[in-house]
Amino acid sequence: MRWMHAAGRGLLVAAVLLAGYAGFGTQPGTAAPRGRGPMTLVTAGDLTNYLGPLLDDWNRGHAKEKVTLVELPDSADETRAQMISELRSGSDRFDVLNIDVAWTSEFAAAGWISPLQRDRFPLHTFLAPVVGTATFDDRLYAVPYVTNAGLLYYRKDILAREGERPPRTWAELARQAKTLAPKYGMDGYAGQFLPYEGLTVNATEAVHSAGGSILRDDGARVTVDSAAARTGLEFLAGGVRDGWISPRARDYKEEESRQAFQDGRLLFLRNWPYVYSEANAPGSKVAGKFGAVPLPGPSGPGTSVLGGSNLAVSSHSRHPESAADLIAYLTSERVQRKVLTEGSLPPVRAALYEDSALIRAYPYLPTLRQSLLRAEPRPKSPRYDQVSLAVQAVVQDVMALRQTPQQGVARLSRELGSISRKD
């Protein structure tokens, strides 16, 4: 996931942003109340340093509750491993954790993060689907910070030349990818099909778009053995079998697939919103030549998987009250605006997607909003890492045509059942 793909810096006035939380502060010269004091915020690498200025503003207004930023490797797997190592040891090094939305259930079930009071955060102002990524067992364990949903990027210049509209269904996508792309010496369609977390996302989107699911009840019930799941995997396998998904695409992660599209080698691309700015940057071969629409499904718009990250309080934090206030600050509307304008990350506040000034600067926002409102979380499980590995292994074999979708779904159901019985 590109949690911290960002650009630019910005300054905010923390006193204005935190007006609603003034009652939690401390007066100069007084001892910090229990649960209050300096903190650390741990995150994957902040690639362009937009987060630092936001925390500097907090620190100027909170002399006794200053926050230190701890940056872990850019790799999501390495970040998760280092966080878990600290949390398992009982270390109080971290107070606020910026975690991938897929980790919330795992961290909550393990007791590594603390439940939060719902009424402390204006969750009703967030996009409704994103709140679900922050809950486990009907309790709030984190607060959404940034979100993400998959979009279908397409070469609008080529479709216009051919008198075609962007596809709304899988059948339209398959037809255009199979018939138009070869005319222009291009590959038809790609997502993120290398066996890593991206393949789990793409497979889950296909299953959800077909009306199916993988797990229910926070991982306790395996639901993948269904006609809908078979239909979803057939969409991916059929693309490989019929040639509109190139063998090259099975080696793509986010950046490899973005580069293929940006270099003009790909007619259609499933990827995250950050691609919009990258592909329109100076030097891009497709700048001004592409558009973005919601992902297609079997009979209309499909269902994206929700990406992004949530902010959680470590159960070992010495200063959980200060940590909760910091989360409120980072998810306030003014800071969320900066998350978009300075960090190039999709915010969680619903009103920002209808802001006319922001839409002029970021024309894809209405499309992204559509995708986000239809999006669903990845399977929730205390053993999400094992669930994801099982999905990757099965879907890799299905897309390599070593197993049929029917065989793959049956195998995945057995493997997920074995994982769930370990709980």
Protein backbone atom coordinates (compact mmCIF):
# COMPACT_ATOMS: atom_id res chain seq x y z
CA MET A 1 0.00 0.00 0.00
CA ARG A 2 1.13 3.55 -0.71
CA TRP A 3 0.08 4.88 2.70
CA MET A 4 2.60 7.71 2.74
CA HIS A 5 2.79 8.62 -0.94
CA ALA A 6 2.81 12.37 -0.48
CA ALA A 7 3.98 15.67 -1.88
CA GLY A 8 4.75 19.02 -0.31
CA ARG A 9 4.66 20.60 3.12
CA GLY A 10 2.14 22.77 4.90
CA LEU A 11 1.63 24.71 8.13
CA LEU A 12 -1.50 24.77 10.27
CA VAL A 13 -2.49 26.56 13.45
CA ALA A 14 -3.09 23.88 16.05
CA ALA A 15 -4.97 26.18 18.42
CA VAL A 16 -7.74 26.63 15.87
CA LEU A 17 -7.79 22.97 14.89
CA LEU A 18 -8.05 21.78 18.47
CA ALA A 19 -10.57 24.29 19.79
CA GLY A 20 -12.97 21.45 20.54
CA TYR A 21 -10.33 19.70 22.67
CA ALA A 22 -9.08 22.62 24.77
CA GLY A 23 -10.47 21.06 27.94
CA PHE A 24 -7.91 18.25 27.69
CA GLY A 25 -4.85 20.58 27.71
CA THR A 26 -2.51 21.48 30.58
CA GLN A 27 -1.54 24.90 31.89
CA PRO A 28 2.10 26.05 31.77
CA GLY A 29 3.96 25.25 34.95
CA THR A 30 1.56 22.48 36.05
CA ALA A 31 2.21 18.77 36.20
CA ALA A 32 0.72 16.71 33.40
CA PRO A 33 -2.44 14.81 34.47
CA ARG A 34 -2.42 11.05 34.48
CA GLY A 35 -2.40 9.65 30.97
CA ARG A 36 -0.86 12.79 29.53
CA GLY A 37 2.64 13.59 28.39
CA PRO A 38 5.03 13.27 25.44
CA MET A 39 4.33 10.70 22.76
CA THR A 40 5.70 8.92 19.74
CA LEU A 41 3.78 8.36 16.51
CA VAL A 42 5.05 5.41 14.48
CA THR A 43 4.38 5.08 10.78
CA ALA A 44 5.73 3.72 7.55
CA GLY A 45 8.22 6.05 5.89
CA ASP A 46 6.80 9.51 5.16
CA LEU A 47 8.16 9.65 1.63
CA THR A 48 7.97 13.42 1.13
CA ASN A 49 7.87 14.71 4.68
CA TYR A 50 4.39 16.22 4.76
CA LEU A 51 3.64 14.78 8.20
CA GLY A 52 6.47 16.53 10.03
CA PRO A 53 5.03 20.05 9.72
CA LEU A 54 1.65 18.87 11.00
CA LEU A 55 3.29 17.46 14.09
CA ASP A 56 5.41 20.61 14.50
CA ASP A 57 2.21 22.62 14.75
CA TRP A 58 0.87 20.27 17.42
CA ASN A 59 4.12 20.55 19.35
CA ARG A 60 4.06 24.35 19.35
CA GLY A 61 0.72 24.27 21.15
CA HIS A 62 1.44 21.31 23.46
CA ALA A 63 4.77 21.88 25.19
CA LYS A 64 4.20 19.05 27.66
CA GLU A 65 2.62 16.65 25.16
CA LYS A 66 5.09 16.83 22.31
CA VAL A 67 5.04 14.09 19.73
CA THR A 68 8.10 12.50 18.14
CA LEU A 69 7.74 10.90 14.70
CA VAL A 70 9.23 7.42 14.30
CA GLU A 71 9.50 6.30 10.69
CA LEU A 72 9.84 2.62 9.86
CA PRO A 73 10.70 1.17 6.40
CA ASP A 74 8.49 2.02 3.42
CA SER A 75 7.63 -1.66 3.01
CA ALA A 76 4.29 -2.51 4.63
CA ASP A 77 5.50 -6.00 5.58
CA GLU A 78 8.63 -4.65 7.29
CA THR A 79 6.65 -1.94 9.06
CA ARG A 80 4.14 -4.46 10.37
CA ALA A 81 6.90 -6.79 11.55
CA GLN A 82 8.72 -4.07 13.47
CA MET A 83 5.53 -2.77 15.06
CA ILE A 84 4.51 -6.25 16.17
CA SER A 85 7.97 -6.95 17.59
CA GLU A 86 7.72 -3.86 19.83
CA LEU A 87 4.13 -4.53 20.84
CA ARG A 88 4.69 -8.20 21.68
CA SER A 89 7.60 -7.26 23.93
CA GLY A 90 5.36 -5.00 26.00
CA SER A 91 7.43 -1.96 25.04
CA ASP A 92 5.90 1.47 25.62
CA ARG A 93 8.04 3.01 22.88
CA PHE A 94 5.03 3.72 20.65
CA ASP A 95 1.90 5.65 21.63
CA VAL A 96 0.04 6.24 18.34
CA LEU A 97 0.34 3.73 15.51
CA ASN A 98 -0.45 4.49 11.88
CA ILE A 99 -1.55 1.03 10.74
CA ASP A 100 -2.81 -0.37 7.47
CA VAL A 101 -6.59 -0.73 7.58
CA ALA A 102 -6.23 -4.50 7.14
CA TRP A 103 -4.28 -4.81 10.39
CA THR A 104 -6.90 -3.35 12.73
CA SER A 105 -8.59 -6.67 13.48
CA GLU A 106 -5.31 -8.49 14.05
CA PHE A 107 -3.90 -5.81 16.37
CA ALA A 108 -7.19 -5.53 18.29
CA ALA A 109 -7.62 -9.28 18.76
CA ALA A 110 -4.03 -9.55 20.03
CA GLY A 111 -4.63 -6.82 22.60
CA TRP A 112 -1.95 -4.55 21.13
CA ILE A 113 -4.25 -1.54 20.67
CA SER A 114 -6.82 -0.09 23.04
CA PRO A 115 -10.54 0.46 22.40
CA LEU A 116 -11.50 4.10 21.85
CA GLN A 117 -14.58 6.06 22.88
CA ARG A 118 -16.75 6.59 19.80
CA ASP A 119 -18.15 9.90 21.04
CA ARG A 120 -14.67 11.39 21.24
CA PHE A 121 -14.42 11.51 17.44
CA PRO A 122 -16.94 12.93 14.92
CA LEU A 123 -17.29 9.65 13.04
CA HIS A 124 -20.58 10.83 11.47
CA THR A 125 -18.57 13.32 9.39
CA PHE A 126 -16.42 10.56 7.86
CA LEU A 127 -17.22 8.60 4.73
CA ALA A 128 -19.41 5.83 6.10
CA PRO A 129 -17.52 2.79 4.71
CA VAL A 130 -14.16 3.85 6.16
CA VAL A 131 -15.40 3.63 9.75
CA GLY A 132 -15.89 -0.11 9.33
CA THR A 133 -12.15 -0.57 8.78
CA ALA A 134 -11.50 0.76 12.30
CA THR A 135 -13.77 -1.63 14.21
CA PHE A 136 -13.41 -5.15 15.53
CA ASP A 137 -15.98 -7.16 17.45
CA ASP A 138 -18.35 -4.16 17.29
CA ARG A 139 -15.89 -1.89 19.10
CA LEU A 140 -13.89 1.08 17.82
CA TYR A 141 -10.17 0.31 18.02
CA ALA A 142 -8.82 3.01 15.70
CA VAL A 143 -9.83 6.14 13.83
CA PRO A 144 -9.61 6.36 10.01
CA TYR A 145 -6.82 8.70 8.93
CA VAL A 146 -6.47 8.27 5.17
CA THR A 147 -8.48 6.12 2.82
CA ASN A 148 -8.10 4.68 -0.65
CA ALA A 149 -10.16 2.93 -3.29
CA GLY A 150 -9.23 1.38 -6.58
CA LEU A 151 -9.99 3.20 -9.83
CA LEU A 152 -9.95 2.09 -13.45
CA TYR A 153 -7.59 4.30 -15.47
CA TYR A 154 -8.14 4.29 -19.22
CA ARG A 155 -6.69 5.94 -22.32
CA LYS A 156 -9.43 8.41 -23.15
CA ASP A 157 -7.67 9.51 -26.35
CA ILE A 158 -7.77 5.98 -27.76
CA LEU A 159 -11.35 5.27 -26.70
CA ALA A 160 -12.46 8.60 -28.20
CA ARG A 161 -10.69 7.78 -31.45
CA GLU A 162 -12.53 4.44 -31.55
CA GLY A 163 -15.90 5.97 -30.61
CA GLU A 164 -15.99 4.01 -27.35
CA ARG A 165 -16.97 4.96 -23.82
CA PRO A 166 -15.03 3.77 -20.77
CA PRO A 167 -16.21 0.31 -19.71
CA ARG A 168 -18.83 -0.08 -16.97
CA THR A 169 -18.94 -3.88 -17.02
CA TRP A 170 -16.44 -6.70 -17.14
CA ALA A 171 -17.71 -7.73 -20.58
CA GLU A 172 -17.10 -4.23 -21.96
CA LEU A 173 -13.65 -4.13 -20.39
CA ALA A 174 -12.74 -7.53 -21.81
CA ARG A 175 -13.98 -6.64 -25.30
CA GLN A 176 -12.15 -3.33 -25.47
CA ALA A 177 -8.96 -4.70 -23.91
CA LYS A 178 -8.94 -7.65 -26.31
CA THR A 179 -9.82 -5.82 -29.53
CA LEU A 180 -8.48 -2.27 -29.16
CA ALA A 181 -5.20 -2.70 -27.30
CA PRO A 182 -3.50 -4.83 -30.01
CA LYS A 183 -4.34 -2.19 -32.64
CA TYR A 184 -2.12 0.23 -30.76
CA GLY A 185 0.59 -2.22 -29.76
CA MET A 186 -0.51 -2.19 -26.13
CA ASP A 187 -1.40 -4.65 -23.39
CA GLY A 188 -5.07 -4.68 -22.50
CA TYR A 189 -5.53 -4.65 -18.74
CA ALA A 190 -3.43 -4.92 -15.59
CA GLY A 191 -3.85 -4.69 -11.88
CA GLN A 192 -1.45 -5.79 -9.16
CA PHE A 193 -1.10 -9.49 -9.80
CA LEU A 194 2.25 -10.41 -8.26
CA PRO A 195 1.63 -12.68 -5.24
CA TYR A 196 1.73 -10.07 -2.46
CA GLU A 197 -0.90 -7.99 -0.69
CA GLY A 198 -1.89 -6.34 -3.97
CA LEU A 199 -3.06 -9.67 -5.37
CA THR A 200 -5.24 -10.18 -2.29
CA VAL A 201 -6.78 -6.77 -2.94
CA ASN A 202 -7.43 -7.42 -6.63
CA ALA A 203 -8.91 -10.87 -5.97
CA THR A 204 -11.10 -9.56 -3.15
CA GLU A 205 -12.40 -6.81 -5.41
CA ALA A 206 -13.32 -9.36 -8.07
CA VAL A 207 -15.13 -11.56 -5.55
CA HIS A 208 -16.97 -8.62 -3.93
CA SER A 209 -17.90 -7.14 -7.31
CA ALA A 210 -19.56 -10.45 -8.22
CA GLY A 211 -21.58 -10.30 -5.00
CA GLY A 212 -19.50 -12.73 -2.97
CA SER A 213 -17.34 -12.56 0.14
CA ILE A 214 -14.35 -14.36 1.61
CA LEU A 215 -14.94 -14.21 5.36
CA ARG A 216 -17.71 -13.02 7.62
CA ASP A 217 -18.11 -12.37 11.34
CA ASP A 218 -14.58 -11.02 11.83
CA GLY A 219 -13.03 -14.14 10.37
CA ALA A 220 -15.10 -16.72 12.20
CA ARG A 221 -17.08 -17.84 9.14
CA VAL A 222 -15.61 -18.80 5.77
CA THR A 223 -17.93 -17.78 2.92
CA VAL A 224 -15.71 -18.00 -0.15
CA ASP A 225 -17.12 -21.28 -1.50
CA SER A 226 -19.83 -19.67 -3.63
CA ALA A 227 -20.87 -19.17 -7.23
CA ALA A 228 -20.08 -15.45 -6.87
CA ALA A 229 -16.51 -16.14 -5.78
CA ARG A 230 -16.04 -18.51 -8.72
CA THR A 231 -17.36 -15.78 -11.04
CA GLY A 232 -14.87 -13.31 -9.60
CA LEU A 233 -11.89 -15.61 -10.09
CA GLU A 234 -13.09 -16.51 -13.59
CA PHE A 235 -12.89 -12.80 -14.49
CA LEU A 236 -9.17 -12.85 -13.68
CA ALA A 237 -8.42 -16.30 -15.10
CA GLY A 238 -10.40 -15.56 -18.26
CA GLY A 239 -8.36 -12.42 -18.86
CA VAL A 240 -5.15 -14.44 -18.79
CA ARG A 241 -6.59 -17.27 -20.87
CA ASP A 242 -7.99 -14.91 -23.52
CA GLY A 243 -4.91 -12.71 -23.64
CA TRP A 244 -6.27 -9.34 -22.54
CA ILE A 245 -4.32 -9.73 -19.30
CA SER A 246 -0.71 -10.05 -20.40
CA PRO A 247 1.65 -12.53 -18.70
CA ARG A 248 3.73 -9.45 -17.83
CA ALA A 249 0.93 -8.21 -15.60
CA ARG A 250 1.35 -11.18 -13.28
CA ASP A 251 4.66 -9.61 -12.15
CA TYR A 252 3.19 -6.17 -11.43
CA LYS A 253 2.87 -4.41 -8.11
CA GLU A 254 1.54 -0.83 -7.80
CA GLU A 255 4.58 0.90 -9.23
CA GLU A 256 5.30 -1.53 -12.06
CA SER A 257 1.71 -1.31 -13.25
CA ARG A 258 1.68 2.50 -12.94
CA GLN A 259 4.87 2.74 -14.98
CA ALA A 260 3.46 0.50 -17.70
CA PHE A 261 0.40 2.73 -18.00
CA GLN A 262 2.41 5.94 -17.77
CA ASP A 263 4.78 4.74 -20.49
CA GLY A 264 1.85 4.15 -22.85
CA ARG A 265 2.09 0.34 -22.77
CA LEU A 266 -1.31 -0.32 -21.22
CA LEU A 267 -4.87 0.53 -22.24
CA PHE A 268 -6.54 -0.10 -18.86
CA LEU A 269 -5.12 -0.09 -15.34
CA ARG A 270 -6.60 -0.82 -11.94
CA ASN A 271 -4.67 1.19 -9.34
CA TRP A 272 -4.97 3.70 -6.47
CA PRO A 273 -5.70 7.45 -6.74
CA TYR A 274 -2.05 8.49 -6.43
CA VAL A 275 -1.56 7.41 -10.04
CA TYR A 276 -3.65 10.35 -11.25
CA SER A 277 -1.07 12.94 -10.24
CA GLU A 278 1.90 10.79 -11.23
CA ALA A 279 0.58 10.04 -14.71
CA ASN A 280 -0.18 13.72 -15.32
CA ALA A 281 3.26 14.87 -14.22
CA PRO A 282 5.73 16.46 -16.69
CA GLY A 283 7.47 13.79 -18.71
CA SER A 284 4.58 11.32 -18.57
CA LYS A 285 3.70 9.96 -22.00
CA VAL A 286 0.00 9.89 -21.10
CA ALA A 287 -0.36 13.29 -19.42
CA GLY A 288 -3.75 14.72 -20.42
CA LYS A 289 -4.62 11.56 -22.35
CA PHE A 290 -6.30 9.43 -19.70
CA GLY A 291 -9.32 9.37 -17.44
CA ALA A 292 -10.49 7.46 -14.39
CA VAL A 293 -13.81 5.76 -13.62
CA PRO A 294 -15.04 3.38 -10.91
CA LEU A 295 -14.01 -0.23 -11.28
CA PRO A 296 -16.40 -2.23 -13.48
CA GLY A 297 -18.29 -5.29 -12.30
CA PRO A 298 -20.35 -8.05 -13.91
CA SER A 299 -23.34 -5.84 -14.74
CA GLY A 300 -22.29 -2.33 -13.71
CA PRO A 301 -19.94 -0.56 -11.33
CA GLY A 302 -17.94 -2.99 -9.23
CA THR A 303 -16.74 -2.92 -5.65
CA SER A 304 -13.32 -1.66 -4.63
CA VAL A 305 -11.43 -2.73 -1.56
CA LEU A 306 -10.82 0.02 0.95
CA GLY A 307 -7.19 0.92 1.37
CA GLY A 308 -5.55 3.51 3.58
CA SER A 309 -4.52 3.62 7.20
CA ASN A 310 -6.00 4.05 10.66
CA LEU A 311 -4.61 5.65 13.81
CA ALA A 312 -4.65 3.53 16.97
CA VAL A 313 -3.42 3.92 20.55
CA SER A 314 -0.98 1.29 21.77
CA SER A 315 -2.26 -0.65 24.77
CA HIS A 316 1.17 -0.03 26.32
CA SER A 317 1.04 3.75 25.91
CA ARG A 318 1.85 5.69 29.07
CA HIS A 319 -0.09 8.70 27.80
CA PRO A 320 -3.30 7.43 26.15
CA GLU A 321 -5.26 10.64 26.77
CA SER A 322 -2.71 12.71 24.88
CA ALA A 323 -2.60 10.03 22.19
CA ALA A 324 -6.37 10.23 21.69
CA ASP A 325 -6.17 14.02 21.37
CA LEU A 326 -3.42 13.70 18.78
CA ILE A 327 -5.63 11.37 16.76
CA ALA A 328 -8.47 13.90 16.99
CA TYR A 329 -6.11 16.57 15.68
CA LEU A 330 -4.87 14.49 12.74
CA THR A 331 -8.43 13.59 11.73
CA SER A 332 -9.89 17.10 12.11
CA GLU A 333 -11.24 18.64 8.91
CA ARG A 334 -8.53 21.29 8.61
CA VAL A 335 -5.73 18.74 8.90
CA GLN A 336 -7.56 16.33 6.62
CA ARG A 337 -7.59 19.05 3.97
CA LYS A 338 -3.80 19.20 4.28
CA VAL A 339 -3.61 15.41 4.06
CA LEU A 340 -4.99 15.84 0.54
CA THR A 341 -3.35 19.08 -0.58
CA GLU A 342 0.06 18.54 1.01
CA GLY A 343 0.17 14.77 1.25
CA SER A 344 -1.66 13.75 -1.95
CA LEU A 345 -3.58 11.21 0.14
CA PRO A 346 -7.37 10.67 0.05
CA PRO A 347 -8.93 12.12 3.21
CA VAL A 348 -11.62 10.46 5.32
CA ARG A 349 -13.83 13.54 5.82
CA ALA A 350 -16.87 13.32 3.54
CA ALA A 351 -17.34 17.08 3.04
CA LEU A 352 -13.95 17.45 1.35
CA TYR A 353 -15.12 15.35 -1.61
CA GLU A 354 -17.81 17.94 -2.38
CA ASP A 355 -15.61 21.02 -1.96
CA SER A 356 -15.67 22.89 -5.29
CA ALA A 357 -12.17 24.34 -4.88
CA LEU A 358 -10.70 20.92 -4.17
CA ILE A 359 -12.56 19.36 -7.09
CA ARG A 360 -11.05 21.95 -9.42
CA ALA A 361 -7.59 21.04 -8.17
CA TYR A 362 -8.29 17.29 -8.00
CA PRO A 363 -10.81 16.43 -10.75
CA TYR A 364 -10.89 12.76 -9.81
CA LEU A 365 -12.48 13.42 -6.39
CA PRO A 366 -16.11 12.81 -7.46
CA THR A 367 -15.11 9.52 -9.09
CA LEU A 368 -13.10 8.53 -6.05
CA ARG A 369 -16.05 9.38 -3.81
CA GLN A 370 -18.27 7.03 -5.85
CA SER A 371 -15.72 4.25 -5.47
CA LEU A 372 -15.26 4.85 -1.75
CA LEU A 373 -18.99 4.79 -1.03
CA ARG A 374 -19.28 1.39 -2.75
CA ALA A 375 -16.03 0.03 -1.30
CA GLU A 376 -15.72 -2.69 1.31
CA PRO A 377 -12.96 -3.67 3.75
CA ARG A 378 -10.68 -6.61 3.16
CA PRO A 379 -11.59 -9.78 5.10
CA LYS A 380 -11.43 -9.14 8.84
CA SER A 381 -9.52 -11.75 10.79
CA PRO A 382 -7.25 -11.95 13.83
CA ARG A 383 -4.97 -13.94 11.50
CA TYR A 384 -5.21 -11.63 8.53
CA ASP A 385 -1.60 -12.22 7.48
CA GLN A 386 -2.32 -15.95 7.04
CA VAL A 387 -5.62 -15.23 5.28
CA SER A 388 -3.88 -12.94 2.80
CA LEU A 389 -1.11 -15.47 2.09
CA ALA A 390 -3.70 -18.17 1.41
CA VAL A 391 -5.60 -15.91 -1.00
CA GLN A 392 -2.39 -14.99 -2.82
CA ALA A 393 -1.27 -18.58 -3.24
CA VAL A 394 -4.61 -19.79 -4.57
CA VAL A 395 -5.25 -16.86 -6.91
CA GLN A 396 -1.70 -17.08 -8.25
CA ASP A 397 -2.38 -20.68 -9.29
CA VAL A 398 -5.76 -19.79 -10.78
CA MET A 399 -4.27 -16.94 -12.83
CA ALA A 400 -1.42 -19.20 -13.93
CA LEU A 401 -4.17 -21.58 -15.16
CA ARG A 402 -2.83 -24.36 -12.96
CA GLN A 403 -6.21 -24.62 -11.24
CA THR A 404 -9.71 -23.75 -12.38
CA PRO A 405 -11.66 -21.09 -10.49
CA GLN A 406 -13.87 -23.87 -9.08
CA GLN A 407 -10.85 -25.80 -7.83
CA GLY A 408 -9.31 -22.61 -6.46
CA VAL A 409 -12.40 -21.61 -4.51
CA ALA A 410 -12.74 -25.08 -2.98
CA ARG A 411 -9.06 -25.11 -2.00
CA LEU A 412 -9.25 -21.61 -0.53
CA SER A 413 -12.32 -22.56 1.50
CA ARG A 414 -10.43 -25.50 3.02
CA GLU A 415 -7.32 -23.45 3.80
CA LEU A 416 -9.27 -20.57 5.34
CA GLY A 417 -11.27 -23.04 7.40
CA SER A 418 -8.05 -24.44 8.78
CA ILE A 419 -6.84 -20.93 9.65
CA SER A 420 -10.07 -19.97 11.37
CA ARG A 421 -10.03 -23.11 13.52
CA LYS A 422 -6.72 -21.98 15.03
CA ASP A 423 -8.43 -19.08 16.79
